[in-house]
């Protein structure tokens, strides 16, 4: 099992969770705009870095 791919998958899942939480907060108006912005930016950062890490890492046997 490749450690970089696993870490990339974890980052991707954390990014998705952050984006979903930010989306739910926007819909329900349950948080301040600054916290929604922070969750959204961190979610995007984790999501795209995880996707990039999984995409770039080669499988080695």
C-alpha atoms as a PDB file:
ATOM      1  CA  UNK A   1       0.000   0.000   0.000  1.00  0.00           C
ATOM      2  CA  UNK A   2       1.351   3.361  -0.973  1.00  0.00           C
ATOM      3  CA  UNK A   3       1.498   5.855   1.879  1.00  0.00           C
ATOM      4  CA  UNK A   4       1.219   8.914  -0.382  1.00  0.00           C
ATOM      5  CA  UNK A   5      -1.963   7.618  -2.023  1.00  0.00           C
ATOM      6  CA  UNK A   6      -3.487   6.855   1.370  1.00  0.00           C
ATOM      7  CA  UNK A   7      -2.636  10.325   2.639  1.00  0.00           C
ATOM      8  CA  UNK A   8      -4.070  11.813  -0.563  1.00  0.00           C
ATOM      9  CA  UNK A   9      -7.311   9.889  -0.069  1.00  0.00           C
ATOM     10  CA  UNK A  10      -7.547  11.093   3.542  1.00  0.00           C
ATOM     11  CA  UNK A  11      -6.980  14.704   2.457  1.00  0.00           C
ATOM     12  CA  UNK A  12      -9.640  14.345  -0.228  1.00  0.00           C
ATOM     13  CA  UNK A  13     -12.194  13.004   2.239  1.00  0.00           C
ATOM     14  CA  UNK A  14     -11.399  15.760   4.743  1.00  0.00           C
ATOM     15  CA  UNK A  15     -11.811  18.323   1.971  1.00  0.00           C
ATOM     16  CA  UNK A  16     -15.200  16.916   1.004  1.00  0.00           C
ATOM     17  CA  UNK A  17     -16.315  17.006   4.639  1.00  0.00           C
ATOM     18  CA  UNK A  18     -15.174  20.629   4.974  1.00  0.00           C
ATOM     19  CA  UNK A  19     -16.992  21.652   1.793  1.00  0.00           C
ATOM     20  CA  UNK A  20     -20.184  19.884   2.877  1.00  0.00           C
ATOM     21  CA  UNK A  21     -20.026  21.553   6.294  1.00  0.00           C
ATOM     22  CA  UNK A  22     -19.535  24.964   4.685  1.00  0.00           C
ATOM     23  CA  UNK A  23     -22.440  24.311   2.322  1.00  0.00           C
ATOM     24  CA  UNK A  24     -24.753  23.269   5.143  1.00  0.00           C
ATOM     25  CA  UNK A  25     -23.731  26.334   7.159  1.00  0.00           C
ATOM     26  CA  UNK A  26     -24.534  28.587   4.194  1.00  0.00           C
ATOM     27  CA  UNK A  27     -27.954  27.012   3.681  1.00  0.00           C
ATOM     28  CA  UNK A  28     -28.934  27.098   7.357  1.00  0.00           C
ATOM     29  CA  UNK A  29     -27.348  30.505   8.099  1.00  0.00           C
ATOM     30  CA  UNK A  30     -25.967  28.915  11.259  1.00  0.00           C
ATOM     31  CA  UNK A  31     -22.433  30.358  11.274  1.00  0.00           C
ATOM     32  CA  UNK A  32     -20.592  33.620  10.781  1.00  0.00           C
ATOM     33  CA  UNK A  33     -19.420  34.454   7.277  1.00  0.00           C
ATOM     34  CA  UNK A  34     -15.784  34.362   8.355  1.00  0.00           C
ATOM     35  CA  UNK A  35     -16.029  30.801   9.669  1.00  0.00           C
ATOM     36  CA  UNK A  36     -17.914  29.684   6.558  1.00  0.00           C
ATOM     37  CA  UNK A  37     -15.174  31.241   4.418  1.00  0.00           C
ATOM     38  CA  UNK A  38     -12.423  29.532   6.429  1.00  0.00           C
ATOM     39  CA  UNK A  39     -14.136  26.127   6.221  1.00  0.00           C
ATOM     40  CA  UNK A  40     -14.673  26.567   2.496  1.00  0.00           C
ATOM     41  CA  UNK A  41     -11.088  27.608   1.767  1.00  0.00           C
ATOM     42  CA  UNK A  42      -9.584  24.850   3.913  1.00  0.00           C
ATOM     43  CA  UNK A  43     -11.969  22.326   2.352  1.00  0.00           C
ATOM     44  CA  UNK A  44     -10.957  23.400  -1.162  1.00  0.00           C
ATOM     45  CA  UNK A  45      -7.276  23.315  -0.230  1.00  0.00           C
ATOM     46  CA  UNK A  46      -7.499  19.798   1.237  1.00  0.00           C
ATOM     47  CA  UNK A  47      -9.664  18.539  -1.616  1.00  0.00           C
ATOM     48  CA  UNK A  48      -7.443  19.737  -4.454  1.00  0.00           C
ATOM     49  CA  UNK A  49      -4.185  18.816  -2.719  1.00  0.00           C
ATOM     50  CA  UNK A  50      -5.528  15.309  -2.028  1.00  0.00           C
ATOM     51  CA  UNK A  51      -6.702  14.865  -5.608  1.00  0.00           C
ATOM     52  CA  UNK A  52      -3.357  16.117  -6.901  1.00  0.00           C
ATOM     53  CA  UNK A  53      -1.418  13.798  -4.595  1.00  0.00           C
ATOM     54  CA  UNK A  54      -3.429  10.758  -5.685  1.00  0.00           C
ATOM     55  CA  UNK A  55      -3.146  11.707  -9.368  1.00  0.00           C
ATOM     56  CA  UNK A  56       0.610  12.358  -9.371  1.00  0.00           C
ATOM     57  CA  UNK A  57       1.675   9.359  -7.254  1.00  0.00           C
ATOM     58  CA  UNK A  58       2.603   6.332  -9.363  1.00  0.00           C
ATOM     59  CA  UNK A  59       1.830   2.756  -8.389  1.00  0.00           C
ATOM     60  CA  UNK A  60       4.955   0.781  -7.636  1.00  0.00           C
ATOM     61  CA  UNK A  61       4.926  -2.913  -6.929  1.00  0.00           C
END
